[in-house]
């Protein structure tokens, strides 16, 4: 049995499962099928959340057209959607429909296996906010790696809003990540779930705390470049 070492804590390698989702109404995703291999199995529920706020740059409008410079216009544009999904960091990017995308991340080394995480993400931009929801998550690789998809549930929501305070506009992000792992490996099946959840939550929170500010800074840079290109096209 292999374990992941984090400080003085060890986390067992688990089998995972991809889940199926269905949109019930706007802004709500409902799990309709889980297919966990054993409904009575012990599970560890991991979660992480990160909120952040950043100032939006000020841009002078050209020709009196200020609406097209707003962050909501950018996030509704193809360039904004690709920025939200961080397309440059993906191995492949495929549009499934008008606002749903299949995103394959670069392969990573996990327990001596090459693993390529594949996410199905739905982007819903409006004039008031923008939401990215993870509809599915699985791993691609060897047969052994893909068997891990049988015992894994994950959900993620990235909600972005904006607010003007005085003369300054701020961008707010709220990222929530939840993972459910089936515990099947001895001796962890004999231990309380806290033996997995405590170090697992620490690792997940550390990852989210590190990635969210980086993604937000990149989004801000992409927005600034988009506005400057728009202004240049009008001049």
C-alpha atoms as a PDB file:
ATOM      1  CA  UNK A   1       0.000   0.000   0.000  1.00  0.00           C
ATOM      2  CA  UNK A   2       1.286   3.484  -0.833  1.00  0.00           C
ATOM      3  CA  UNK A   3       0.712   6.647   1.184  1.00  0.00           C
ATOM      4  CA  UNK A   4       1.101  10.369   0.568  1.00  0.00           C
ATOM      5  CA  UNK A   5       3.326  12.024   3.179  1.00  0.00           C
ATOM      6  CA  UNK A   6       2.413  15.514   4.387  1.00  0.00           C
ATOM      7  CA  UNK A   7       4.605  16.616   7.277  1.00  0.00           C
ATOM      8  CA  UNK A   8       4.147  14.043  10.024  1.00  0.00           C
ATOM      9  CA  UNK A   9       0.823  12.844   8.570  1.00  0.00           C
ATOM     10  CA  UNK A  10       0.224  10.129   5.989  1.00  0.00           C
ATOM     11  CA  UNK A  11      -2.737   9.839   3.650  1.00  0.00           C
ATOM     12  CA  UNK A  12      -3.554   6.492   2.018  1.00  0.00           C
ATOM     13  CA  UNK A  13      -3.967   6.056  -1.697  1.00  0.00           C
ATOM     14  CA  UNK A  14      -7.678   5.620  -2.442  1.00  0.00           C
ATOM     15  CA  UNK A  15      -9.813   4.558  -5.320  1.00  0.00           C
ATOM     16  CA  UNK A  16     -11.977   7.316  -6.709  1.00  0.00           C
ATOM     17  CA  UNK A  17     -15.240   7.656  -8.580  1.00  0.00           C
ATOM     18  CA  UNK A  18     -16.474  10.068 -11.175  1.00  0.00           C
ATOM     19  CA  UNK A  19     -20.034  11.206 -10.587  1.00  0.00           C
ATOM     20  CA  UNK A  20     -22.807  12.336 -12.907  1.00  0.00           C
ATOM     21  CA  UNK A  21     -24.598  15.643 -12.539  1.00  0.00           C
ATOM     22  CA  UNK A  22     -27.728  17.263 -13.856  1.00  0.00           C
ATOM     23  CA  UNK A  23     -28.631  20.955 -13.833  1.00  0.00           C
ATOM     24  CA  UNK A  24     -31.890  21.312 -11.939  1.00  0.00           C
ATOM     25  CA  UNK A  25     -32.212  25.092 -12.256  1.00  0.00           C
ATOM     26  CA  UNK A  26     -29.952  28.044 -12.841  1.00  0.00           C
ATOM     27  CA  UNK A  27     -27.076  28.101 -10.381  1.00  0.00           C
ATOM     28  CA  UNK A  28     -27.881  24.681  -8.901  1.00  0.00           C
ATOM     29  CA  UNK A  29     -26.174  21.393  -9.705  1.00  0.00           C
ATOM     30  CA  UNK A  30     -27.768  18.204  -8.397  1.00  0.00           C
ATOM     31  CA  UNK A  31     -25.984  14.874  -8.072  1.00  0.00           C
ATOM     32  CA  UNK A  32     -28.230  12.303  -9.718  1.00  0.00           C
ATOM     33  CA  UNK A  33     -25.994   9.232  -9.739  1.00  0.00           C
ATOM     34  CA  UNK A  34     -22.957   8.251  -7.725  1.00  0.00           C
ATOM     35  CA  UNK A  35     -22.383   4.531  -8.463  1.00  0.00           C
ATOM     36  CA  UNK A  36     -20.058   4.130  -5.495  1.00  0.00           C
ATOM     37  CA  UNK A  37     -18.793   0.561  -5.465  1.00  0.00           C
ATOM     38  CA  UNK A  38     -19.998   0.024  -1.898  1.00  0.00           C
ATOM     39  CA  UNK A  39     -22.722   2.194  -0.440  1.00  0.00           C
ATOM     40  CA  UNK A  40     -21.751   1.044   3.073  1.00  0.00           C
ATOM     41  CA  UNK A  41     -18.063   1.887   2.689  1.00  0.00           C
ATOM     42  CA  UNK A  42     -16.401   4.387   4.986  1.00  0.00           C
ATOM     43  CA  UNK A  43     -15.789   7.740   3.319  1.00  0.00           C
ATOM     44  CA  UNK A  44     -13.627  10.733   4.074  1.00  0.00           C
ATOM     45  CA  UNK A  45     -15.171  14.091   3.219  1.00  0.00           C
ATOM     46  CA  UNK A  46     -12.637  16.794   2.442  1.00  0.00           C
ATOM     47  CA  UNK A  47     -13.359  20.458   1.819  1.00  0.00           C
ATOM     48  CA  UNK A  48     -11.587  23.748   1.260  1.00  0.00           C
ATOM     49  CA  UNK A  49     -12.773  27.298   0.673  1.00  0.00           C
ATOM     50  CA  UNK A  50     -10.986  30.484  -0.289  1.00  0.00           C
ATOM     51  CA  UNK A  51     -12.317  34.026  -0.586  1.00  0.00           C
ATOM     52  CA  UNK A  52     -10.245  36.827  -2.032  1.00  0.00           C
ATOM     53  CA  UNK A  53     -10.672  40.402  -3.232  1.00  0.00           C
ATOM     54  CA  UNK A  54      -8.606  42.411  -5.685  1.00  0.00           C
ATOM     55  CA  UNK A  55      -8.825  45.917  -7.161  1.00  0.00           C
ATOM     56  CA  UNK A  56      -9.756  46.215 -10.805  1.00  0.00           C
ATOM     57  CA  UNK A  57      -7.613  48.557 -12.924  1.00  0.00           C
ATOM     58  CA  UNK A  58      -9.177  51.799 -14.109  1.00  0.00           C
ATOM     59  CA  UNK A  59      -9.410  52.337 -17.853  1.00  0.00           C
ATOM     60  CA  UNK A  60     -10.435  55.421 -19.763  1.00  0.00           C
ATOM     61  CA  UNK A  61     -13.270  54.826 -22.204  1.00  0.00           C
ATOM     62  CA  UNK A  62     -12.876  55.720 -25.853  1.00  0.00           C
ATOM     63  CA  UNK A  63     -15.619  57.378 -27.865  1.00  0.00           C
ATOM     64  CA  UNK A  64     -17.958  57.378 -24.878  1.00  0.00           C
ATOM     65  CA  UNK A  65     -18.221  53.554 -24.953  1.00  0.00           C
ATOM     66  CA  UNK A  66     -17.556  52.533 -21.355  1.00  0.00           C
ATOM     67  CA  UNK A  67     -19.867  49.490 -21.189  1.00  0.00           C
ATOM     68  CA  UNK A  68     -17.566  47.340 -23.330  1.00  0.00           C
ATOM     69  CA  UNK A  69     -14.715  47.960 -20.898  1.00  0.00           C
ATOM     70  CA  UNK A  70     -16.568  46.524 -17.893  1.00  0.00           C
ATOM     71  CA  UNK A  71     -15.404  43.237 -16.351  1.00  0.00           C
ATOM     72  CA  UNK A  72     -18.828  41.681 -17.077  1.00  0.00           C
ATOM     73  CA  UNK A  73     -18.278  42.243 -20.798  1.00  0.00           C
ATOM     74  CA  UNK A  74     -14.871  40.598 -20.601  1.00  0.00           C
ATOM     75  CA  UNK A  75     -16.158  37.533 -18.752  1.00  0.00           C
ATOM     76  CA  UNK A  76     -18.920  37.109 -21.347  1.00  0.00           C
ATOM     77  CA  UNK A  77     -16.364  37.271 -24.158  1.00  0.00           C
ATOM     78  CA  UNK A  78     -14.469  34.219 -25.426  1.00  0.00           C
ATOM     79  CA  UNK A  79     -11.233  35.670 -24.087  1.00  0.00           C
ATOM     80  CA  UNK A  80     -12.760  36.042 -20.628  1.00  0.00           C
ATOM     81  CA  UNK A  81     -14.093  32.486 -20.591  1.00  0.00           C
ATOM     82  CA  UNK A  82     -10.676  31.139 -21.569  1.00  0.00           C
ATOM     83  CA  UNK A  83      -9.096  33.285 -18.853  1.00  0.00           C
ATOM     84  CA  UNK A  84     -11.537  31.927 -16.251  1.00  0.00           C
ATOM     85  CA  UNK A  85     -10.576  28.377 -17.260  1.00  0.00           C
ATOM     86  CA  UNK A  86      -6.870  29.283 -17.402  1.00  0.00           C
ATOM     87  CA  UNK A  87      -6.614  27.828 -20.894  1.00  0.00           C
ATOM     88  CA  UNK A  88      -2.872  28.447 -21.180  1.00  0.00           C
ATOM     89  CA  UNK A  89      -2.234  25.972 -18.359  1.00  0.00           C
ATOM     90  CA  UNK A  90      -4.267  23.180 -19.981  1.00  0.00           C
ATOM     91  CA  UNK A  91      -2.978  20.317 -22.072  1.00  0.00           C
ATOM     92  CA  UNK A  92      -6.162  20.378 -24.164  1.00  0.00           C
ATOM     93  CA  UNK A  93      -9.338  22.434 -24.276  1.00  0.00           C
ATOM     94  CA  UNK A  94     -12.557  21.360 -25.984  1.00  0.00           C
ATOM     95  CA  UNK A  95     -15.915  23.121 -26.233  1.00  0.00           C
ATOM     96  CA  UNK A  96     -18.811  20.725 -25.563  1.00  0.00           C
ATOM     97  CA  UNK A  97     -21.584  23.280 -26.016  1.00  0.00           C
ATOM     98  CA  UNK A  98     -22.019  27.055 -25.754  1.00  0.00           C
ATOM     99  CA  UNK A  99     -20.801  27.257 -22.151  1.00  0.00           C
ATOM    100  CA  UNK A 100     -19.487  23.783 -21.206  1.00  0.00           C
ATOM    101  CA  UNK A 101     -15.881  22.727 -21.716  1.00  0.00           C
ATOM    102  CA  UNK A 102     -13.740  19.612 -21.381  1.00  0.00           C
ATOM    103  CA  UNK A 103     -10.387  20.589 -19.905  1.00  0.00           C
ATOM    104  CA  UNK A 104      -7.440  18.212 -19.672  1.00  0.00           C
ATOM    105  CA  UNK A 105      -4.672  19.251 -17.306  1.00  0.00           C
ATOM    106  CA  UNK A 106      -1.018  18.343 -17.942  1.00  0.00           C
ATOM    107  CA  UNK A 107       0.037  14.972 -16.606  1.00  0.00           C
ATOM    108  CA  UNK A 108       1.258  14.917 -13.028  1.00  0.00           C
ATOM    109  CA  UNK A 109       3.232  12.315 -11.082  1.00  0.00           C
ATOM    110  CA  UNK A 110       1.020  10.703  -8.440  1.00  0.00           C
ATOM    111  CA  UNK A 111       2.341   7.726  -6.455  1.00  0.00           C
ATOM    112  CA  UNK A 112       4.708   6.767  -9.308  1.00  0.00           C
ATOM    113  CA  UNK A 113       1.871   6.964 -11.874  1.00  0.00           C
ATOM    114  CA  UNK A 114       1.379   9.447 -14.704  1.00  0.00           C
ATOM    115  CA  UNK A 115      -2.075  10.955 -14.199  1.00  0.00           C
ATOM    116  CA  UNK A 116      -3.963  13.424 -16.417  1.00  0.00           C
ATOM    117  CA  UNK A 117      -6.921  15.041 -14.600  1.00  0.00           C
ATOM    118  CA  UNK A 118      -9.872  15.736 -16.914  1.00  0.00           C
ATOM    119  CA  UNK A 119     -12.515  18.257 -15.846  1.00  0.00           C
ATOM    120  CA  UNK A 120     -15.879  19.161 -17.360  1.00  0.00           C
ATOM    121  CA  UNK A 121     -16.559  22.793 -16.464  1.00  0.00           C
ATOM    122  CA  UNK A 122     -19.587  24.977 -17.044  1.00  0.00           C
ATOM    123  CA  UNK A 123     -19.143  28.757 -17.237  1.00  0.00           C
ATOM    124  CA  UNK A 124     -22.169  30.958 -16.579  1.00  0.00           C
ATOM    125  CA  UNK A 125     -21.423  34.693 -17.004  1.00  0.00           C
ATOM    126  CA  UNK A 126     -24.129  37.294 -16.350  1.00  0.00           C
ATOM    127  CA  UNK A 127     -24.208  41.065 -16.009  1.00  0.00           C
ATOM    128  CA  UNK A 128     -23.905  40.677 -12.232  1.00  0.00           C
ATOM    129  CA  UNK A 129     -21.534  37.733 -11.703  1.00  0.00           C
ATOM    130  CA  UNK A 130     -19.742  34.762 -13.240  1.00  0.00           C
ATOM    131  CA  UNK A 131     -19.858  31.179 -11.980  1.00  0.00           C
ATOM    132  CA  UNK A 132     -17.670  28.230 -12.944  1.00  0.00           C
ATOM    133  CA  UNK A 133     -19.013  24.829 -11.870  1.00  0.00           C
ATOM    134  CA  UNK A 134     -17.239  21.499 -12.125  1.00  0.00           C
ATOM    135  CA  UNK A 135     -19.692  18.974 -13.572  1.00  0.00           C
ATOM    136  CA  UNK A 136     -17.314  16.016 -13.572  1.00  0.00           C
ATOM    137  CA  UNK A 137     -13.765  15.078 -12.671  1.00  0.00           C
ATOM    138  CA  UNK A 138     -11.807  11.959 -13.575  1.00  0.00           C
ATOM    139  CA  UNK A 139      -8.272  10.725 -14.115  1.00  0.00           C
ATOM    140  CA  UNK A 140      -6.863   9.396 -17.371  1.00  0.00           C
ATOM    141  CA  UNK A 141      -3.802   7.187 -17.592  1.00  0.00           C
ATOM    142  CA  UNK A 142      -3.090   3.490 -17.148  1.00  0.00           C
ATOM    143  CA  UNK A 143      -5.868   0.993 -16.460  1.00  0.00           C
ATOM    144  CA  UNK A 144      -4.917   1.058 -12.781  1.00  0.00           C
ATOM    145  CA  UNK A 145      -5.126   4.845 -12.708  1.00  0.00           C
ATOM    146  CA  UNK A 146      -8.531   4.914 -14.416  1.00  0.00           C
ATOM    147  CA  UNK A 147      -9.862   2.356 -11.944  1.00  0.00           C
ATOM    148  CA  UNK A 148      -9.407   5.072  -9.337  1.00  0.00           C
ATOM    149  CA  UNK A 149     -12.426   6.837 -10.856  1.00  0.00           C
ATOM    150  CA  UNK A 150     -14.731   4.206  -9.341  1.00  0.00           C
ATOM    151  CA  UNK A 151     -14.597   5.595  -5.787  1.00  0.00           C
ATOM    152  CA  UNK A 152     -14.393   9.368  -6.076  1.00  0.00           C
ATOM    153  CA  UNK A 153     -16.840  12.260  -5.826  1.00  0.00           C
ATOM    154  CA  UNK A 154     -15.866  15.895  -6.310  1.00  0.00           C
ATOM    155  CA  UNK A 155     -17.585  19.248  -6.691  1.00  0.00           C
ATOM    156  CA  UNK A 156     -16.231  22.741  -7.191  1.00  0.00           C
ATOM    157  CA  UNK A 157     -17.818  26.167  -7.567  1.00  0.00           C
ATOM    158  CA  UNK A 158     -15.914  29.352  -8.371  1.00  0.00           C
ATOM    159  CA  UNK A 159     -18.177  32.382  -7.945  1.00  0.00           C
ATOM    160  CA  UNK A 160     -16.914  35.796  -9.047  1.00  0.00           C
ATOM    161  CA  UNK A 161     -18.689  39.086  -8.323  1.00  0.00           C
ATOM    162  CA  UNK A 162     -17.718  42.760  -8.453  1.00  0.00           C
ATOM    163  CA  UNK A 163     -18.516  45.800  -6.371  1.00  0.00           C
ATOM    164  CA  UNK A 164     -17.837  49.523  -6.708  1.00  0.00           C
ATOM    165  CA  UNK A 165     -16.903  51.328  -3.520  1.00  0.00           C
ATOM    166  CA  UNK A 166     -16.572  55.036  -4.116  1.00  0.00           C
ATOM    167  CA  UNK A 167     -14.533  55.351  -7.295  1.00  0.00           C
ATOM    168  CA  UNK A 168     -12.845  51.966  -6.992  1.00  0.00           C
ATOM    169  CA  UNK A 169     -14.174  48.666  -8.343  1.00  0.00           C
ATOM    170  CA  UNK A 170     -13.246  45.389  -6.643  1.00  0.00           C
ATOM    171  CA  UNK A 171     -13.380  41.828  -7.903  1.00  0.00           C
ATOM    172  CA  UNK A 172     -14.436  39.204  -5.341  1.00  0.00           C
ATOM    173  CA  UNK A 173     -13.860  35.466  -5.736  1.00  0.00           C
ATOM    174  CA  UNK A 174     -15.304  32.636  -3.645  1.00  0.00           C
ATOM    175  CA  UNK A 175     -13.992  29.138  -4.412  1.00  0.00           C
ATOM    176  CA  UNK A 176     -15.468  26.034  -2.761  1.00  0.00           C
ATOM    177  CA  UNK A 177     -14.003  22.564  -3.285  1.00  0.00           C
ATOM    178  CA  UNK A 178     -15.434  19.316  -1.868  1.00  0.00           C
ATOM    179  CA  UNK A 179     -14.107  15.772  -2.289  1.00  0.00           C
ATOM    180  CA  UNK A 180     -15.462  12.477  -0.990  1.00  0.00           C
ATOM    181  CA  UNK A 181     -13.043   9.520  -0.910  1.00  0.00           C
ATOM    182  CA  UNK A 182     -13.943   5.921  -0.263  1.00  0.00           C
ATOM    183  CA  UNK A 183     -11.658   4.407   2.366  1.00  0.00           C
ATOM    184  CA  UNK A 184     -10.984   0.799   1.479  1.00  0.00           C
ATOM    185  CA  UNK A 185      -7.321   0.113   2.316  1.00  0.00           C
ATOM    186  CA  UNK A 186      -6.212  -1.540   5.535  1.00  0.00           C
ATOM    187  CA  UNK A 187      -5.380  -0.396   8.152  1.00  0.00           C
ATOM    188  CA  UNK A 188      -7.198   2.876   7.391  1.00  0.00           C
ATOM    189  CA  UNK A 189     -10.556   1.103   7.323  1.00  0.00           C
ATOM    190  CA  UNK A 190      -9.973   0.365  11.025  1.00  0.00           C
ATOM    191  CA  UNK A 191      -9.203   3.998  11.882  1.00  0.00           C
ATOM    192  CA  UNK A 192     -11.616   6.896  12.358  1.00  0.00           C
ATOM    193  CA  UNK A 193     -12.249   8.977   9.249  1.00  0.00           C
ATOM    194  CA  UNK A 194     -10.548  11.900  11.014  1.00  0.00           C
ATOM    195  CA  UNK A 195      -7.227  10.098  10.448  1.00  0.00           C
ATOM    196  CA  UNK A 196      -7.721  10.817   6.740  1.00  0.00           C
ATOM    197  CA  UNK A 197      -9.843  13.975   6.854  1.00  0.00           C
ATOM    198  CA  UNK A 198      -7.551  16.038   9.106  1.00  0.00           C
ATOM    199  CA  UNK A 199      -4.366  15.841   6.980  1.00  0.00           C
ATOM    200  CA  UNK A 200      -6.438  15.767   3.784  1.00  0.00           C
ATOM    201  CA  UNK A 201      -8.193  19.025   4.642  1.00  0.00           C
ATOM    202  CA  UNK A 202      -4.845  20.637   5.472  1.00  0.00           C
ATOM    203  CA  UNK A 203      -3.437  19.684   2.073  1.00  0.00           C
ATOM    204  CA  UNK A 204      -6.531  20.807   0.172  1.00  0.00           C
ATOM    205  CA  UNK A 205      -6.731  24.141   1.982  1.00  0.00           C
ATOM    206  CA  UNK A 206      -3.029  24.804   1.388  1.00  0.00           C
ATOM    207  CA  UNK A 207      -3.498  24.090  -2.313  1.00  0.00           C
ATOM    208  CA  UNK A 208      -6.549  26.355  -2.639  1.00  0.00           C
ATOM    209  CA  UNK A 209      -4.895  29.136  -0.625  1.00  0.00           C
ATOM    210  CA  UNK A 210      -1.960  29.076  -3.017  1.00  0.00           C
ATOM    211  CA  UNK A 211      -3.770  28.708  -6.340  1.00  0.00           C
ATOM    212  CA  UNK A 212      -6.701  31.120  -5.975  1.00  0.00           C
ATOM    213  CA  UNK A 213      -4.600  34.325  -5.656  1.00  0.00           C
ATOM    214  CA  UNK A 214      -2.460  33.213  -8.605  1.00  0.00           C
ATOM    215  CA  UNK A 215      -5.511  32.558 -10.781  1.00  0.00           C
ATOM    216  CA  UNK A 216      -7.038  35.882  -9.739  1.00  0.00           C
ATOM    217  CA  UNK A 217      -3.882  37.789 -10.645  1.00  0.00           C
ATOM    218  CA  UNK A 218      -3.766  36.047 -14.027  1.00  0.00           C
ATOM    219  CA  UNK A 219      -7.428  36.852 -14.654  1.00  0.00           C
ATOM    220  CA  UNK A 220      -6.746  40.502 -13.853  1.00  0.00           C
ATOM    221  CA  UNK A 221      -3.813  40.579 -16.254  1.00  0.00           C
ATOM    222  CA  UNK A 222      -5.872  38.982 -19.038  1.00  0.00           C
ATOM    223  CA  UNK A 223      -8.670  41.518 -18.452  1.00  0.00           C
ATOM    224  CA  UNK A 224      -6.201  44.409 -18.615  1.00  0.00           C
ATOM    225  CA  UNK A 225      -4.707  43.088 -21.865  1.00  0.00           C
ATOM    226  CA  UNK A 226      -8.178  42.623 -23.376  1.00  0.00           C
ATOM    227  CA  UNK A 227      -9.178  46.210 -22.548  1.00  0.00           C
ATOM    228  CA  UNK A 228      -5.954  47.601 -23.999  1.00  0.00           C
ATOM    229  CA  UNK A 229      -6.427  45.629 -27.217  1.00  0.00           C
ATOM    230  CA  UNK A 230     -10.003  46.899 -27.452  1.00  0.00           C
ATOM    231  CA  UNK A 231      -8.875  50.498 -26.944  1.00  0.00           C
ATOM    232  CA  UNK A 232      -6.166  50.045 -29.543  1.00  0.00           C
ATOM    233  CA  UNK A 233      -8.702  48.748 -32.080  1.00  0.00           C
ATOM    234  CA  UNK A 234     -10.789  51.932 -31.613  1.00  0.00           C
ATOM    235  CA  UNK A 235      -7.905  54.384 -31.859  1.00  0.00           C
END
